[in-house]
Amino acid sequence: MDTLMWFVPVTVGWALATRFFWRAGAWLPYYVIGAAGGAVLAVVAARELAPGELAIRVATAYSVHSLSWLLGIRTELFDDRAGELLVVGVPHHQEWTRLSIGIECSGLLELAALLGLVLFYPALPAARRLLVLLVALGLTFAANVVRMLVIIGAVGYGGQDWLDVAHVVFGRAVFFALAVAVYWFAVTRPTLRVVYARLREG
């Protein structure tokens, strides 16, 4: 309830500011305020006002659990309501590792940032933006699942000692590379096309 009390007026103020700059044709402040504010508000709403983050965590856990057999590793859903996994180590068969998918591993922050960047991108028609957004969000979710599979593979075959290295180094490196590809598709490529078209017109 406390979150809702400040969330509503902040959202209204953000919407008014975004609309003001849009109507004024001030595209840089419109894009910065719209994208950044929209991303922050989406994260707050998903964590505090709706079970959005929980849904992403659970979907990630189910996806990783369903695909872990590809790595030859057996997993169990420790708490399917909270998105937690148990990884059975291979060849460490007597070793179980409990993985909790929190806000960092859920991909919520990256999904929210992508939502803001694409949704408020002024150079694309609305229908095109929506299509690009849906595809990019799906690809980002898939990239996060791959990140978790990398972590599970390292833990499954290397044991619990590899958890920190896999999470901090391997998982992040793989996710960063995949995220860069998604952002190229969703933001950079459309921007270059718009710039190229305007240069040809000029």
C-alpha atoms as a PDB file:
ATOM      1  CA  MET A   1       0.000   0.000   0.000  1.00  0.00           C
ATOM      2  CA  ASP A   2       2.867   2.392   0.777  1.00  0.00           C
ATOM      3  CA  THR A   3       4.357   1.730  -2.660  1.00  0.00           C
ATOM      4  CA  LEU A   4       1.038   2.425  -4.358  1.00  0.00           C
ATOM      5  CA  MET A   5       0.733   5.780  -2.582  1.00  0.00           C
ATOM      6  CA  TRP A   6       3.863   7.156  -4.222  1.00  0.00           C
ATOM      7  CA  PHE A   7       3.786   5.019  -7.361  1.00  0.00           C
ATOM      8  CA  VAL A   8       0.574   6.533  -8.739  1.00  0.00           C
ATOM      9  CA  PRO A   9       1.572  10.226  -8.501  1.00  0.00           C
ATOM     10  CA  VAL A  10       5.087   9.485  -9.764  1.00  0.00           C
ATOM     11  CA  THR A  11       3.629   7.590 -12.726  1.00  0.00           C
ATOM     12  CA  VAL A  12       1.246  10.433 -13.508  1.00  0.00           C
ATOM     13  CA  GLY A  13       4.083  12.970 -13.314  1.00  0.00           C
ATOM     14  CA  TRP A  14       6.284  10.806 -15.533  1.00  0.00           C
ATOM     15  CA  ALA A  15       3.486  10.358 -18.089  1.00  0.00           C
ATOM     16  CA  LEU A  16       2.797  14.109 -18.195  1.00  0.00           C
ATOM     17  CA  ALA A  17       6.480  14.940 -18.627  1.00  0.00           C
ATOM     18  CA  THR A  18       6.876  12.334 -21.366  1.00  0.00           C
ATOM     19  CA  ARG A  19       3.811  13.609 -23.210  1.00  0.00           C
ATOM     20  CA  PHE A  20       4.973  17.222 -22.877  1.00  0.00           C
ATOM     21  CA  PHE A  21       8.305  16.540 -24.560  1.00  0.00           C
ATOM     22  CA  TRP A  22       6.641  14.361 -27.187  1.00  0.00           C
ATOM     23  CA  ARG A  23       4.192  17.109 -28.134  1.00  0.00           C
ATOM     24  CA  ALA A  24       7.030  19.648 -28.148  1.00  0.00           C
ATOM     25  CA  GLY A  25       9.069  17.480 -30.490  1.00  0.00           C
ATOM     26  CA  ALA A  26      11.981  17.449 -28.027  1.00  0.00           C
ATOM     27  CA  TRP A  27      12.936  13.895 -28.869  1.00  0.00           C
ATOM     28  CA  LEU A  28      16.047  13.486 -26.731  1.00  0.00           C
ATOM     29  CA  PRO A  29      14.431  14.388 -23.360  1.00  0.00           C
ATOM     30  CA  TYR A  30      11.296  12.511 -24.460  1.00  0.00           C
ATOM     31  CA  TYR A  31      13.292   9.358 -25.129  1.00  0.00           C
ATOM     32  CA  VAL A  32      15.486   9.600 -22.031  1.00  0.00           C
ATOM     33  CA  ILE A  33      12.613  10.317 -19.642  1.00  0.00           C
ATOM     34  CA  GLY A  34      10.229   7.890 -21.324  1.00  0.00           C
ATOM     35  CA  ALA A  35      12.662   4.975 -21.602  1.00  0.00           C
ATOM     36  CA  ALA A  36      14.441   5.377 -18.249  1.00  0.00           C
ATOM     37  CA  GLY A  37      11.305   6.225 -16.282  1.00  0.00           C
ATOM     38  CA  GLY A  38       9.312   3.468 -17.953  1.00  0.00           C
ATOM     39  CA  ALA A  39      11.994   0.892 -17.143  1.00  0.00           C
ATOM     40  CA  VAL A  40      12.208   1.915 -13.476  1.00  0.00           C
ATOM     41  CA  LEU A  41       8.434   1.978 -13.064  1.00  0.00           C
ATOM     42  CA  ALA A  42       8.136  -1.418 -14.752  1.00  0.00           C
ATOM     43  CA  VAL A  43      10.631  -2.939 -12.300  1.00  0.00           C
ATOM     44  CA  VAL A  44       8.839  -1.417  -9.303  1.00  0.00           C
ATOM     45  CA  ALA A  45       5.453  -2.576 -10.567  1.00  0.00           C
ATOM     46  CA  ALA A  46       6.715  -6.105 -11.268  1.00  0.00           C
ATOM     47  CA  ARG A  47       8.303  -6.406  -7.825  1.00  0.00           C
ATOM     48  CA  GLU A  48       5.946  -4.501  -5.540  1.00  0.00           C
ATOM     49  CA  LEU A  49       2.510  -4.241  -7.153  1.00  0.00           C
ATOM     50  CA  ALA A  50       2.143  -7.370  -9.274  1.00  0.00           C
ATOM     51  CA  PRO A  51       3.744 -10.832  -9.291  1.00  0.00           C
ATOM     52  CA  GLY A  52       5.659 -10.038 -12.479  1.00  0.00           C
ATOM     53  CA  GLU A  53       9.114 -10.823 -11.150  1.00  0.00           C
ATOM     54  CA  LEU A  54       7.868 -14.013  -9.531  1.00  0.00           C
ATOM     55  CA  ALA A  55       6.311 -15.122 -12.816  1.00  0.00           C
ATOM     56  CA  ILE A  56       9.598 -14.535 -14.649  1.00  0.00           C
ATOM     57  CA  ARG A  57      11.566 -16.418 -11.989  1.00  0.00           C
ATOM     58  CA  VAL A  58       9.199 -19.380 -12.111  1.00  0.00           C
ATOM     59  CA  ALA A  59       9.184 -19.428 -15.930  1.00  0.00           C
ATOM     60  CA  THR A  60      12.987 -19.320 -15.936  1.00  0.00           C
ATOM     61  CA  ALA A  61      13.229 -22.159 -13.420  1.00  0.00           C
ATOM     62  CA  TYR A  62      10.797 -24.330 -15.389  1.00  0.00           C
ATOM     63  CA  SER A  63      12.610 -23.601 -18.663  1.00  0.00           C
ATOM     64  CA  VAL A  64      16.038 -24.412 -17.223  1.00  0.00           C
ATOM     65  CA  HIS A  65      14.675 -27.545 -15.549  1.00  0.00           C
ATOM     66  CA  SER A  66      13.127 -28.688 -18.838  1.00  0.00           C
ATOM     67  CA  LEU A  67      16.351 -28.134 -20.806  1.00  0.00           C
ATOM     68  CA  SER A  68      18.969 -29.317 -18.311  1.00  0.00           C
ATOM     69  CA  TRP A  69      18.860 -32.836 -19.756  1.00  0.00           C
ATOM     70  CA  LEU A  70      20.614 -31.447 -22.837  1.00  0.00           C
ATOM     71  CA  LEU A  71      23.680 -31.006 -20.622  1.00  0.00           C
ATOM     72  CA  GLY A  72      23.345 -34.461 -19.102  1.00  0.00           C
ATOM     73  CA  ILE A  73      22.475 -32.905 -15.732  1.00  0.00           C
ATOM     74  CA  ARG A  74      19.477 -33.737 -13.599  1.00  0.00           C
ATOM     75  CA  THR A  75      17.672 -30.924 -11.821  1.00  0.00           C
ATOM     76  CA  GLU A  76      14.648 -30.766  -9.573  1.00  0.00           C
ATOM     77  CA  LEU A  77      12.333 -27.873  -8.874  1.00  0.00           C
ATOM     78  CA  PHE A  78      13.022 -27.199  -5.209  1.00  0.00           C
ATOM     79  CA  ASP A  79      10.217 -24.649  -4.859  1.00  0.00           C
ATOM     80  CA  ASP A  80       8.201 -24.283  -8.048  1.00  0.00           C
ATOM     81  CA  ARG A  81       6.330 -21.320  -6.564  1.00  0.00           C
ATOM     82  CA  ALA A  82       9.477 -19.267  -6.016  1.00  0.00           C
ATOM     83  CA  GLY A  83      11.637 -20.312  -8.944  1.00  0.00           C
ATOM     84  CA  GLU A  84      14.259 -22.323  -7.092  1.00  0.00           C
ATOM     85  CA  LEU A  85      16.210 -25.257  -8.485  1.00  0.00           C
ATOM     86  CA  LEU A  86      18.191 -28.150  -7.101  1.00  0.00           C
ATOM     87  CA  VAL A  87      21.078 -29.237  -9.306  1.00  0.00           C
ATOM     88  CA  VAL A  88      22.345 -32.799  -9.016  1.00  0.00           C
ATOM     89  CA  GLY A  89      26.074 -32.712  -9.658  1.00  0.00           C
ATOM     90  CA  VAL A  90      27.628 -34.877 -12.351  1.00  0.00           C
ATOM     91  CA  PRO A  91      29.915 -36.640 -11.576  1.00  0.00           C
ATOM     92  CA  HIS A  92      29.274 -35.300  -8.050  1.00  0.00           C
ATOM     93  CA  HIS A  93      26.197 -37.503  -7.642  1.00  0.00           C
ATOM     94  CA  GLN A  94      25.953 -37.013  -3.895  1.00  0.00           C
ATOM     95  CA  GLU A  95      26.224 -33.249  -4.135  1.00  0.00           C
ATOM     96  CA  TRP A  96      23.148 -31.063  -4.389  1.00  0.00           C
ATOM     97  CA  THR A  97      23.290 -27.351  -5.065  1.00  0.00           C
ATOM     98  CA  ARG A  98      20.326 -25.125  -4.383  1.00  0.00           C
ATOM     99  CA  LEU A  99      20.033 -22.227  -6.825  1.00  0.00           C
ATOM    100  CA  SER A 100      17.690 -19.343  -6.115  1.00  0.00           C
ATOM    101  CA  ILE A 101      16.758 -17.235  -9.120  1.00  0.00           C
ATOM    102  CA  GLY A 102      16.683 -13.686  -7.758  1.00  0.00           C
ATOM    103  CA  ILE A 103      16.238 -10.322  -9.456  1.00  0.00           C
ATOM    104  CA  GLU A 104      19.654 -10.443 -11.126  1.00  0.00           C
ATOM    105  CA  CYS A 105      19.260 -13.925 -12.583  1.00  0.00           C
ATOM    106  CA  SER A 106      15.598 -13.465 -13.467  1.00  0.00           C
ATOM    107  CA  GLY A 107      16.428 -11.047 -16.274  1.00  0.00           C
ATOM    108  CA  LEU A 108      13.826  -8.554 -15.025  1.00  0.00           C
ATOM    109  CA  LEU A 109      16.223  -5.594 -15.147  1.00  0.00           C
ATOM    110  CA  GLU A 110      17.277  -6.320 -18.715  1.00  0.00           C
ATOM    111  CA  LEU A 111      13.693  -6.937 -19.813  1.00  0.00           C
ATOM    112  CA  ALA A 112      12.554  -3.653 -18.267  1.00  0.00           C
ATOM    113  CA  ALA A 113      15.409  -1.701 -19.874  1.00  0.00           C
ATOM    114  CA  LEU A 114      14.593  -3.205 -23.252  1.00  0.00           C
ATOM    115  CA  LEU A 115      10.909  -2.418 -22.745  1.00  0.00           C
ATOM    116  CA  GLY A 116      11.658   1.259 -22.174  1.00  0.00           C
ATOM    117  CA  LEU A 117      14.202   1.598 -24.986  1.00  0.00           C
ATOM    118  CA  VAL A 118      11.990   0.038 -27.653  1.00  0.00           C
ATOM    119  CA  LEU A 119       8.561   1.221 -26.496  1.00  0.00           C
ATOM    120  CA  PHE A 120       9.529   4.891 -26.544  1.00  0.00           C
ATOM    121  CA  TYR A 121      11.755   4.809 -29.609  1.00  0.00           C
ATOM    122  CA  PRO A 122      10.266   7.646 -31.689  1.00  0.00           C
ATOM    123  CA  ALA A 123      11.684   6.733 -35.089  1.00  0.00           C
ATOM    124  CA  LEU A 124       9.683   3.531 -35.563  1.00  0.00           C
ATOM    125  CA  PRO A 125       5.936   3.214 -36.208  1.00  0.00           C
ATOM    126  CA  ALA A 126       3.953   1.901 -33.250  1.00  0.00           C
ATOM    127  CA  ALA A 127       3.090  -1.433 -34.887  1.00  0.00           C
ATOM    128  CA  ARG A 128       6.726  -2.023 -35.822  1.00  0.00           C
ATOM    129  CA  ARG A 129       7.850  -1.106 -32.302  1.00  0.00           C
ATOM    130  CA  LEU A 130       5.413  -3.589 -30.774  1.00  0.00           C
ATOM    131  CA  LEU A 131       6.604  -6.399 -33.040  1.00  0.00           C
ATOM    132  CA  VAL A 132      10.276  -5.672 -32.363  1.00  0.00           C
ATOM    133  CA  LEU A 133       9.552  -5.436 -28.631  1.00  0.00           C
ATOM    134  CA  LEU A 134       7.794  -8.803 -28.460  1.00  0.00           C
ATOM    135  CA  VAL A 135      10.590 -10.548 -30.367  1.00  0.00           C
ATOM    136  CA  ALA A 136      13.324  -8.828 -28.337  1.00  0.00           C
ATOM    137  CA  LEU A 137      11.695  -9.680 -25.004  1.00  0.00           C
ATOM    138  CA  GLY A 138      11.408 -13.319 -26.033  1.00  0.00           C
ATOM    139  CA  LEU A 139      15.051 -13.402 -27.132  1.00  0.00           C
ATOM    140  CA  THR A 140      16.180 -11.764 -23.884  1.00  0.00           C
ATOM    141  CA  PHE A 141      14.290 -14.330 -21.833  1.00  0.00           C
ATOM    142  CA  ALA A 142      15.889 -17.113 -23.889  1.00  0.00           C
ATOM    143  CA  ALA A 143      19.332 -15.536 -23.393  1.00  0.00           C
ATOM    144  CA  ASN A 144      18.789 -15.550 -19.652  1.00  0.00           C
ATOM    145  CA  VAL A 145      17.830 -19.229 -19.755  1.00  0.00           C
ATOM    146  CA  VAL A 146      21.085 -19.924 -21.610  1.00  0.00           C
ATOM    147  CA  ARG A 147      22.946 -17.992 -18.900  1.00  0.00           C
ATOM    148  CA  MET A 148      21.397 -20.190 -16.221  1.00  0.00           C
ATOM    149  CA  LEU A 149      22.214 -23.339 -18.189  1.00  0.00           C
ATOM    150  CA  VAL A 150      25.853 -22.246 -18.341  1.00  0.00           C
ATOM    151  CA  ILE A 151      25.872 -21.832 -14.561  1.00  0.00           C
ATOM    152  CA  ILE A 152      24.172 -25.188 -14.039  1.00  0.00           C
ATOM    153  CA  GLY A 153      26.605 -26.902 -16.396  1.00  0.00           C
ATOM    154  CA  ALA A 154      29.596 -25.521 -14.508  1.00  0.00           C
ATOM    155  CA  VAL A 155      28.151 -26.491 -11.138  1.00  0.00           C
ATOM    156  CA  GLY A 156      26.927 -29.869 -12.330  1.00  0.00           C
ATOM    157  CA  TYR A 157      30.273 -30.984 -13.695  1.00  0.00           C
ATOM    158  CA  GLY A 158      32.676 -28.941 -11.588  1.00  0.00           C
ATOM    159  CA  GLY A 159      30.930 -29.015  -8.235  1.00  0.00           C
ATOM    160  CA  GLN A 160      29.835 -26.253  -5.880  1.00  0.00           C
ATOM    161  CA  ASP A 161      33.273 -24.631  -5.911  1.00  0.00           C
ATOM    162  CA  TRP A 162      32.514 -23.420  -9.433  1.00  0.00           C
ATOM    163  CA  LEU A 163      29.275 -21.643  -8.511  1.00  0.00           C
ATOM    164  CA  ASP A 164      30.707 -18.163  -7.907  1.00  0.00           C
ATOM    165  CA  VAL A 165      32.975 -18.239 -10.953  1.00  0.00           C
ATOM    166  CA  ALA A 166      30.187 -19.554 -13.155  1.00  0.00           C
ATOM    167  CA  HIS A 167      27.750 -16.911 -11.927  1.00  0.00           C
ATOM    168  CA  VAL A 168      30.075 -13.908 -11.947  1.00  0.00           C
ATOM    169  CA  VAL A 169      32.228 -14.721 -14.996  1.00  0.00           C
ATOM    170  CA  PHE A 170      30.873 -17.399 -17.329  1.00  0.00           C
ATOM    171  CA  GLY A 171      27.157 -16.675 -16.990  1.00  0.00           C
ATOM    172  CA  ARG A 172      27.554 -12.925 -17.238  1.00  0.00           C
ATOM    173  CA  ALA A 173      29.895 -13.138 -20.222  1.00  0.00           C
ATOM    174  CA  VAL A 174      27.504 -15.354 -22.162  1.00  0.00           C
ATOM    175  CA  PHE A 175      24.473 -13.250 -21.249  1.00  0.00           C
ATOM    176  CA  PHE A 176      26.289 -10.007 -22.098  1.00  0.00           C
ATOM    177  CA  ALA A 177      27.200 -11.289 -25.557  1.00  0.00           C
ATOM    178  CA  LEU A 178      23.640 -12.456 -26.225  1.00  0.00           C
ATOM    179  CA  ALA A 179      22.147  -9.231 -24.812  1.00  0.00           C
ATOM    180  CA  VAL A 180      24.366  -7.136 -27.102  1.00  0.00           C
ATOM    181  CA  ALA A 181      23.009  -9.114 -30.067  1.00  0.00           C
ATOM    182  CA  VAL A 182      19.420  -8.530 -28.928  1.00  0.00           C
ATOM    183  CA  TYR A 183      20.004  -4.791 -28.412  1.00  0.00           C
ATOM    184  CA  TRP A 184      21.573  -4.611 -31.855  1.00  0.00           C
ATOM    185  CA  PHE A 185      18.438  -6.152 -33.328  1.00  0.00           C
ATOM    186  CA  ALA A 186      15.993  -4.063 -31.298  1.00  0.00           C
ATOM    187  CA  VAL A 187      17.677  -0.643 -31.048  1.00  0.00           C
ATOM    188  CA  THR A 188      20.943  -0.231 -32.955  1.00  0.00           C
ATOM    189  CA  ARG A 189      19.872  -1.696 -36.295  1.00  0.00           C
ATOM    190  CA  PRO A 190      16.631   0.354 -36.542  1.00  0.00           C
ATOM    191  CA  THR A 191      18.588   3.483 -35.607  1.00  0.00           C
ATOM    192  CA  LEU A 192      21.163   2.878 -38.341  1.00  0.00           C
ATOM    193  CA  ARG A 193      18.390   2.292 -40.875  1.00  0.00           C
ATOM    194  CA  VAL A 194      16.715   5.582 -39.961  1.00  0.00           C
ATOM    195  CA  VAL A 195      20.011   7.471 -40.149  1.00  0.00           C
ATOM    196  CA  TYR A 196      20.875   5.860 -43.483  1.00  0.00           C
ATOM    197  CA  ALA A 197      17.451   6.700 -44.936  1.00  0.00           C
ATOM    198  CA  ARG A 198      17.743  10.340 -43.850  1.00  0.00           C
ATOM    199  CA  LEU A 199      21.246  10.605 -45.315  1.00  0.00           C
ATOM    200  CA  ARG A 200      19.980   9.317 -48.626  1.00  0.00           C
ATOM    201  CA  GLU A 201      17.122  11.788 -48.580  1.00  0.00           C
ATOM    202  CA  GLY A 202      19.559  14.612 -47.835  1.00  0.00           C
END
